[in-house]
Protein backbone atom coordinates (compact mmCIF):
# COMPACT_ATOMS: atom_id res chain seq x y z
CA UNK A 1 -69.98 44.71 -53.02
CA UNK A 2 -70.96 45.78 -56.53
CA UNK A 3 -67.72 47.73 -56.92
CA UNK A 4 -65.67 44.69 -55.84
CA UNK A 5 -67.53 42.52 -58.35
CA UNK A 6 -66.89 44.99 -61.18
CA UNK A 7 -63.23 45.21 -60.21
CA UNK A 8 -62.99 41.42 -60.19
CA UNK A 9 -64.63 41.13 -63.63
CA UNK A 10 -62.42 43.85 -65.09
CA UNK A 11 -59.41 41.89 -63.85
CA UNK A 12 -60.76 38.48 -64.88
CA UNK A 13 -61.58 39.32 -68.49
CA UNK A 14 -58.01 40.25 -69.52
CA UNK A 15 -56.71 37.13 -67.78
CA UNK A 16 -59.12 34.87 -69.68
CA UNK A 17 -58.29 36.56 -72.98
CA UNK A 18 -54.57 36.28 -72.26
CA UNK A 19 -54.86 32.58 -71.45
CA UNK A 20 -56.85 32.00 -74.63
CA UNK A 21 -54.17 33.68 -76.74
CA UNK A 22 -51.49 31.76 -74.87
CA UNK A 23 -53.30 28.50 -75.59
CA UNK A 24 -53.51 29.37 -79.30
CA UNK A 25 -50.06 30.79 -79.96
CA UNK A 26 -47.80 28.99 -77.50
CA UNK A 27 -47.57 25.83 -79.69
CA UNK A 28 -46.67 28.01 -82.69
CA UNK A 29 -43.97 29.77 -80.68
CA UNK A 30 -42.55 26.43 -79.51
CA UNK A 31 -42.60 25.12 -83.09
CA UNK A 32 -40.67 28.11 -84.43
CA UNK A 33 -38.26 28.00 -81.49
CA UNK A 34 -37.45 24.32 -81.94
CA UNK A 35 -36.88 24.81 -85.67
CA UNK A 36 -33.59 26.43 -84.58
CA UNK A 37 -32.75 23.63 -82.16
CA UNK A 38 -29.51 21.74 -82.76
CA UNK A 39 -30.87 18.47 -81.31
CA UNK A 40 -31.78 15.52 -83.50
CA UNK A 41 -34.91 14.91 -81.42
CA UNK A 42 -37.41 17.71 -80.87
CA UNK A 43 -37.85 17.01 -77.16
CA UNK A 44 -35.19 19.19 -75.50
CA UNK A 45 -33.27 22.37 -76.28
CA UNK A 46 -29.59 21.83 -77.03
CA UNK A 47 -28.47 24.99 -78.77
CA UNK A 48 -29.15 27.43 -81.58
CA UNK A 49 -28.50 26.10 -85.09
CA UNK A 50 -29.65 26.52 -88.69
CA UNK A 51 -28.87 22.94 -89.61
CA UNK A 52 -32.51 22.00 -90.24
CA UNK A 53 -33.01 24.91 -92.61
CA UNK A 54 -29.84 23.91 -94.45
CA UNK A 55 -31.07 20.33 -94.62
CA UNK A 56 -34.40 21.62 -95.85
CA UNK A 57 -32.78 23.50 -98.72
CA UNK A 58 -30.73 20.47 -99.77
CA UNK A 59 -33.62 17.98 -99.62
CA UNK A 60 -34.75 17.06 -103.19
CA UNK A 61 -37.99 15.47 -101.93
CA UNK A 62 -39.11 18.62 -100.14
CA UNK A 63 -38.07 20.86 -103.02
CA UNK A 64 -40.06 18.70 -105.44
CA UNK A 65 -43.10 18.80 -103.14
CA UNK A 66 -42.70 22.57 -102.81
CA UNK A 67 -42.52 22.92 -106.58
CA UNK A 68 -45.75 20.93 -106.90
CA UNK A 69 -47.49 23.05 -104.28
CA UNK A 70 -46.40 26.31 -105.93
CA UNK A 71 -47.45 25.10 -109.38
CA UNK A 72 -50.87 24.07 -108.12
CA UNK A 73 -51.28 27.27 -106.07
CA UNK A 74 -50.43 29.62 -108.95
CA UNK A 75 -52.67 27.72 -111.39
CA UNK A 76 -55.48 27.60 -108.85
CA UNK A 77 -55.20 31.32 -108.10
CA UNK A 78 -55.31 32.28 -111.78
CA UNK A 79 -58.24 30.00 -112.62
CA UNK A 80 -60.23 30.93 -109.51
CA UNK A 81 -59.85 34.67 -110.03
CA UNK A 82 -60.47 34.48 -113.80
CA UNK A 83 -63.52 32.20 -113.62
CA UNK A 84 -64.90 33.96 -110.56
CA UNK A 85 -64.57 37.43 -112.12
CA UNK A 86 -66.25 36.34 -115.36
CA UNK A 87 -69.01 34.67 -113.34
CA UNK A 88 -69.66 37.79 -111.27
CA UNK A 89 -69.65 40.19 -114.22
CA UNK A 90 -71.94 37.91 -116.25
CA UNK A 91 -74.42 37.85 -113.35
CA UNK A 92 -75.32 41.46 -114.15
CA UNK A 93 -77.64 40.17 -116.89
CA UNK A 94 -79.24 37.46 -114.73
CA UNK A 95 -82.65 37.89 -113.19
CA UNK A 96 -81.96 35.80 -110.11
CA UNK A 97 -78.90 35.78 -107.87
CA UNK A 98 -79.87 32.66 -105.90
CA UNK A 99 -77.08 30.66 -107.56
CA UNK A 100 -74.52 32.61 -105.54
CA UNK A 101 -75.72 30.82 -102.42
CA UNK A 102 -74.06 27.65 -103.73
CA UNK A 103 -70.62 29.18 -103.34
CA UNK A 104 -71.05 29.61 -99.59
CA UNK A 105 -71.04 25.83 -99.18
CA UNK A 106 -67.22 25.87 -98.98
CA UNK A 107 -67.52 27.80 -95.75
CA UNK A 108 -70.42 25.82 -94.29
CA UNK A 109 -69.46 22.26 -95.27
CA UNK A 110 -66.55 20.40 -93.67
CA UNK A 111 -63.65 20.21 -96.10
CA UNK A 112 -63.49 16.42 -95.86
CA UNK A 113 -67.05 16.25 -97.25
CA UNK A 114 -66.03 18.47 -100.15
CA UNK A 115 -62.88 16.41 -100.77
CA UNK A 116 -64.78 13.10 -100.82
CA UNK A 117 -67.41 14.62 -103.12
CA UNK A 118 -64.78 15.85 -105.59
CA UNK A 119 -63.04 12.47 -105.52
CA UNK A 120 -66.36 10.72 -106.15
CA UNK A 121 -66.97 12.88 -109.23
CA UNK A 122 -63.50 12.14 -110.59
CA UNK A 123 -64.02 8.43 -109.98
CA UNK A 124 -67.47 8.41 -111.60
CA UNK A 125 -66.18 10.26 -114.69
CA UNK A 126 -63.05 8.08 -114.74
CA UNK A 127 -60.76 11.11 -114.62
CA UNK A 128 -57.19 10.12 -113.69
CA UNK A 129 -55.82 11.71 -110.54
CA UNK A 130 -52.84 14.01 -110.92
CA UNK A 131 -52.07 17.66 -111.55
CA UNK A 132 -55.35 18.23 -113.38
CA UNK A 133 -57.58 16.80 -110.69
CA UNK A 134 -55.61 18.55 -107.96
CA UNK A 135 -55.88 21.95 -109.66
CA UNK A 136 -59.58 21.37 -110.37
CA UNK A 137 -60.28 20.52 -106.73
CA UNK A 138 -58.38 23.53 -105.41
CA UNK A 139 -60.07 25.79 -107.97
CA UNK A 140 -63.48 24.63 -106.82
CA UNK A 141 -62.46 25.42 -103.26
CA UNK A 142 -61.08 28.82 -104.27
CA UNK A 143 -64.23 29.85 -106.13
CA UNK A 144 -66.12 29.70 -102.84
CA UNK A 145 -63.94 32.57 -101.61
CA UNK A 146 -63.28 34.53 -104.79
CA UNK A 147 -66.88 34.94 -105.95
CA UNK A 148 -68.28 36.37 -102.66
CA UNK A 149 -65.35 38.81 -102.31
CA UNK A 150 -65.43 40.01 -105.93
CA UNK A 151 -69.23 40.18 -106.00
CA UNK A 152 -69.33 42.34 -102.87
CA UNK A 153 -67.04 44.83 -104.59
CA UNK A 154 -68.86 44.55 -107.92
CA UNK A 155 -72.20 45.46 -106.35
CA UNK A 156 -70.64 48.65 -104.97
CA UNK A 157 -69.58 49.90 -108.41
CA UNK A 158 -71.47 52.90 -109.71
CA UNK A 159 -73.29 51.87 -112.92
CA UNK A 160 -72.87 55.41 -114.21
CA UNK A 161 -69.19 54.68 -114.86
CA UNK A 162 -69.89 51.76 -117.19
CA UNK A 163 -72.78 53.56 -118.86
CA UNK A 164 -70.56 56.58 -119.52
CA UNK A 165 -67.90 54.34 -121.02
CA UNK A 166 -70.42 52.72 -123.37
CA UNK A 167 -71.94 56.09 -124.31
CA UNK A 168 -68.49 57.40 -125.26
CA UNK A 169 -68.07 54.62 -127.81
CA UNK A 170 -66.20 51.94 -125.89
CA UNK A 171 -67.08 48.32 -126.53
CA UNK A 172 -68.12 45.91 -123.80
CA UNK A 173 -64.66 44.37 -123.74
CA UNK A 174 -62.96 47.78 -123.51
CA UNK A 175 -65.29 48.77 -120.69
CA UNK A 176 -64.54 45.51 -118.92
CA UNK A 177 -60.76 45.91 -119.35
CA UNK A 178 -60.36 49.63 -118.67
CA UNK A 179 -63.18 50.42 -116.25
CA UNK A 180 -64.42 47.34 -114.42
CA UNK A 181 -61.11 45.51 -113.92
CA UNK A 182 -59.25 48.55 -112.43
CA UNK A 183 -62.13 49.14 -110.02
CA UNK A 184 -62.18 45.46 -109.03
CA UNK A 185 -58.39 45.19 -108.73
CA UNK A 186 -58.15 45.47 -104.89
CA UNK A 187 -60.73 42.69 -104.43
CA UNK A 188 -59.07 40.59 -107.16
CA UNK A 189 -55.69 40.85 -105.48
CA UNK A 190 -57.15 40.18 -102.03
CA UNK A 191 -59.08 37.11 -103.16
CA UNK A 192 -56.08 35.89 -105.16
CA UNK A 193 -53.80 36.08 -102.12
CA UNK A 194 -56.42 34.29 -100.03
CA UNK A 195 -56.80 31.47 -102.58
CA UNK A 196 -53.02 31.13 -102.90
CA UNK A 197 -52.70 30.78 -99.14
CA UNK A 198 -55.54 28.25 -98.94
CA UNK A 199 -54.08 26.20 -101.79
CA UNK A 200 -50.63 26.08 -100.22
CA UNK A 201 -52.03 25.08 -96.82
CA UNK A 202 -54.72 22.68 -98.03
CA UNK A 203 -54.30 19.05 -97.02
CA UNK A 204 -57.55 17.10 -97.43
CA UNK A 205 -58.24 17.90 -101.08
CA UNK A 206 -54.54 17.43 -101.83
CA UNK A 207 -54.59 14.04 -100.14
CA UNK A 208 -57.75 12.79 -101.88
CA UNK A 209 -57.23 14.27 -105.36
CA UNK A 210 -53.47 14.19 -105.93
CA UNK A 211 -53.02 10.54 -106.87
CA UNK A 212 -49.90 8.41 -106.35
CA UNK A 213 -47.62 10.38 -108.70
CA UNK A 214 -48.22 13.92 -107.37
CA UNK A 215 -47.44 15.00 -103.82
CA UNK A 216 -47.85 18.48 -102.38
CA UNK A 217 -45.81 19.80 -99.51
CA UNK A 218 -48.63 19.40 -96.99
CA UNK A 219 -49.06 15.74 -97.93
CA UNK A 220 -45.30 15.21 -97.75
CA UNK A 221 -45.15 16.71 -94.26
CA UNK A 222 -47.99 14.38 -93.22
CA UNK A 223 -46.05 11.38 -94.51
CA UNK A 224 -43.00 12.54 -92.53
CA UNK A 225 -45.00 12.80 -89.31
CA UNK A 226 -46.33 9.26 -89.70
CA UNK A 227 -42.79 7.85 -89.51
CA UNK A 228 -41.69 10.04 -86.60
CA UNK A 229 -41.25 13.66 -85.58
CA UNK A 230 -38.33 14.92 -87.65
CA UNK A 231 -37.03 18.36 -86.51
CA UNK A 232 -36.97 19.36 -90.18
CA UNK A 233 -40.77 19.43 -89.98
CA UNK A 234 -40.46 22.37 -87.60
CA UNK A 235 -38.38 24.22 -90.19
CA UNK A 236 -40.93 23.47 -92.92
CA UNK A 237 -43.78 24.62 -90.69
CA UNK A 238 -41.92 27.79 -89.74
CA UNK A 239 -41.41 28.63 -93.42
CA UNK A 240 -45.10 27.99 -94.09
CA UNK A 241 -45.99 30.22 -91.16
CA UNK A 242 -43.80 33.05 -92.45
CA UNK A 243 -45.25 32.85 -95.96
CA UNK A 244 -48.85 32.64 -94.71
CA UNK A 245 -48.34 35.56 -92.33
CA UNK A 246 -46.90 37.69 -95.13
CA UNK A 247 -49.82 36.89 -97.42
CA UNK A 248 -52.36 37.59 -94.67
CA UNK A 249 -50.66 40.94 -94.01
CA UNK A 250 -50.87 41.80 -97.71
CA UNK A 251 -54.50 40.66 -97.76
CA UNK A 252 -55.40 42.94 -94.83
CA UNK A 253 -53.55 45.84 -96.47
CA UNK A 254 -55.47 45.36 -99.72
CA UNK A 255 -58.78 45.23 -97.84
CA UNK A 256 -57.95 48.53 -96.15
CA UNK A 257 -57.06 50.06 -99.52
CA UNK A 258 -60.30 48.73 -100.98
CA UNK A 259 -62.33 50.27 -98.17
CA UNK A 260 -60.56 53.62 -98.64
CA UNK A 261 -61.29 53.56 -102.38
CA UNK A 262 -64.93 52.64 -101.74
CA UNK A 263 -65.26 55.44 -99.22
CA UNK A 264 -63.85 57.98 -101.65
């Protein structure tokens, strides 16, 4: 009886896990599949075609939205990594590290709460919505991921390396540029790729903080869905999926490299 129960559980667990993965990834597979569908309505398969990708390339509205998203993502990545790195390095001279707990709120709080809070600050300070507010909102979101990642690597650094650099006559800036930055580089690249991916995929902060004159690609796709399911949305989503998957793969590779360096 016990052996039959163990055999049943050993058979049931893989089935449950397989169904869970099927539930998660089947919609993504259908989305990518129908991005190559030749039909004008995404409800039945007609035949293989690249017409929606060609239409995507020749759409000025989507290209403009993509340009906005890339501009915001690159600016957000640079500001998040730069400010976060300076913040982490400066914390070496602080007596208390309790302030770092504030940057975990991005993970704990719902993003809509963060988006409404940022919009309320902009409204209270009478800051016009546009590129500046959008980059500021995404940077605030990115700092919640950059600072914990960079700080975890910074705490692992051997202080003997910086002390030796200073004893040999290097200034603080030279030590920061030639010793600390190279040692932090894997975590900087990993956090930068993560922030870039989050900025490209973000919707709520982009919707609340972009204003009427600036529109990211995620907001544009949302506006397309409100008027009907255009098969070109599948092509846009498939491109987003490919870019995000590539960045996640690079992020995982950098984390492995960082762990190998830390181990050595």
